[in-house]
C-alpha atoms as a PDB file:
ATOM      1  CA  UNK A   1      22.178  19.460  19.681  1.00  0.00           C
ATOM      2  CA  UNK A   2      20.363  16.299  18.684  1.00  0.00           C
ATOM      3  CA  UNK A   3      18.398  16.211  15.425  1.00  0.00           C
ATOM      4  CA  UNK A   4      15.078  14.427  15.767  1.00  0.00           C
ATOM      5  CA  UNK A   5      13.981  11.606  13.461  1.00  0.00           C
ATOM      6  CA  UNK A   6      11.510  13.733  11.502  1.00  0.00           C
ATOM      7  CA  UNK A   7      14.225  16.183  10.434  1.00  0.00           C
ATOM      8  CA  UNK A   8      16.631  13.358   9.603  1.00  0.00           C
ATOM      9  CA  UNK A   9      14.032  11.712   7.366  1.00  0.00           C
ATOM     10  CA  UNK A  10      13.284  15.043   5.681  1.00  0.00           C
ATOM     11  CA  UNK A  11      16.968  15.659   4.895  1.00  0.00           C
ATOM     12  CA  UNK A  12      17.495  12.084   3.717  1.00  0.00           C
ATOM     13  CA  UNK A  13      14.476  12.247   1.375  1.00  0.00           C
ATOM     14  CA  UNK A  14      15.538  15.602  -0.092  1.00  0.00           C
ATOM     15  CA  UNK A  15      19.052  14.314  -0.758  1.00  0.00           C
ATOM     16  CA  UNK A  16      17.723  11.209  -2.495  1.00  0.00           C
ATOM     17  CA  UNK A  17      15.180  13.189  -4.550  1.00  0.00           C
ATOM     18  CA  UNK A  18      17.878  15.542  -5.842  1.00  0.00           C
ATOM     19  CA  UNK A  19      20.056  12.645  -7.023  1.00  0.00           C
ATOM     20  CA  UNK A  20      17.196  10.666  -8.640  1.00  0.00           C
ATOM     21  CA  UNK A  21      15.089  13.420 -10.231  1.00  0.00           C
ATOM     22  CA  UNK A  22      17.646  15.334 -12.245  1.00  0.00           C
ATOM     23  CA  UNK A  23      15.458  15.714 -15.354  1.00  0.00           C
ATOM     24  CA  UNK A  24      12.047  15.949 -13.709  1.00  0.00           C
ATOM     25  CA  UNK A  25       9.999  18.574 -11.987  1.00  0.00           C
ATOM     26  CA  UNK A  26       9.061  18.167  -8.353  1.00  0.00           C
ATOM     27  CA  UNK A  27       5.596  18.755  -6.913  1.00  0.00           C
ATOM     28  CA  UNK A  28       5.149  19.991  -3.394  1.00  0.00           C
ATOM     29  CA  UNK A  29       1.734  19.809  -1.747  1.00  0.00           C
ATOM     30  CA  UNK A  30       0.952  21.101   1.723  1.00  0.00           C
ATOM     31  CA  UNK A  31      -2.339  21.130   3.548  1.00  0.00           C
ATOM     32  CA  UNK A  32      -3.726  23.116   6.440  1.00  0.00           C
ATOM     33  CA  UNK A  33      -7.041  22.596   8.163  1.00  0.00           C
ATOM     34  CA  UNK A  34      -8.886  24.884   5.737  1.00  0.00           C
ATOM     35  CA  UNK A  35      -6.681  25.184   2.630  1.00  0.00           C
ATOM     36  CA  UNK A  36      -4.420  23.242   0.289  1.00  0.00           C
ATOM     37  CA  UNK A  37      -1.345  24.545  -1.528  1.00  0.00           C
ATOM     38  CA  UNK A  38       0.609  23.042  -4.443  1.00  0.00           C
ATOM     39  CA  UNK A  39       3.800  23.995  -6.288  1.00  0.00           C
ATOM     40  CA  UNK A  40       5.693  22.596  -9.251  1.00  0.00           C
ATOM     41  CA  UNK A  41       9.406  23.165  -8.734  1.00  0.00           C
ATOM     42  CA  UNK A  42      12.334  22.959 -11.147  1.00  0.00           C
ATOM     43  CA  UNK A  43      15.345  21.868  -9.084  1.00  0.00           C
ATOM     44  CA  UNK A  44      17.851  22.566 -11.874  1.00  0.00           C
ATOM     45  CA  UNK A  45      16.891  26.237 -12.069  1.00  0.00           C
ATOM     46  CA  UNK A  46      15.912  26.336  -8.373  1.00  0.00           C
ATOM     47  CA  UNK A  47      12.656  28.120  -9.209  1.00  0.00           C
ATOM     48  CA  UNK A  48       8.956  27.569  -8.663  1.00  0.00           C
ATOM     49  CA  UNK A  49       7.273  27.202 -12.057  1.00  0.00           C
ATOM     50  CA  UNK A  50       3.622  27.115 -10.999  1.00  0.00           C
ATOM     51  CA  UNK A  51       1.821  27.511  -7.729  1.00  0.00           C
ATOM     52  CA  UNK A  52      -1.817  27.229  -6.762  1.00  0.00           C
ATOM     53  CA  UNK A  53      -3.834  27.315  -3.584  1.00  0.00           C
ATOM     54  CA  UNK A  54      -7.424  27.095  -2.471  1.00  0.00           C
ATOM     55  CA  UNK A  55      -7.170  30.709  -1.295  1.00  0.00           C
ATOM     56  CA  UNK A  56      -6.952  32.074  -4.873  1.00  0.00           C
ATOM     57  CA  UNK A  57     -10.029  33.945  -6.114  1.00  0.00           C
ATOM     58  CA  UNK A  58     -10.674  31.685  -9.149  1.00  0.00           C
ATOM     59  CA  UNK A  59     -10.697  28.526  -7.072  1.00  0.00           C
ATOM     60  CA  UNK A  60     -12.447  30.044  -4.062  1.00  0.00           C
ATOM     61  CA  UNK A  61     -15.491  31.235  -6.041  1.00  0.00           C
ATOM     62  CA  UNK A  62     -16.005  27.714  -7.494  1.00  0.00           C
ATOM     63  CA  UNK A  63     -15.683  26.058  -4.101  1.00  0.00           C
ATOM     64  CA  UNK A  64     -18.797  24.291  -2.856  1.00  0.00           C
ATOM     65  CA  UNK A  65     -19.451  24.570   0.852  1.00  0.00           C
ATOM     66  CA  UNK A  66     -20.538  21.541   2.866  1.00  0.00           C
ATOM     67  CA  UNK A  67     -23.845  23.202   3.686  1.00  0.00           C
ATOM     68  CA  UNK A  68     -24.719  23.673  -0.010  1.00  0.00           C
ATOM     69  CA  UNK A  69     -24.301  19.967  -0.870  1.00  0.00           C
END
């Protein structure tokens, strides 16, 4: 089975990040059409320290809709 270029790049970047960032935290941000998600990850402990998203109640109630602007 052939691995496409996107997957190869993803694996290559992860490998490089693990060797370079041994004493740092990593931030992961992903976006959908309506929401945004972020995580701070400790690769040494292999745990997520903090996560946040635009779906959470605190952030959602402060969100300004385009119509209200």
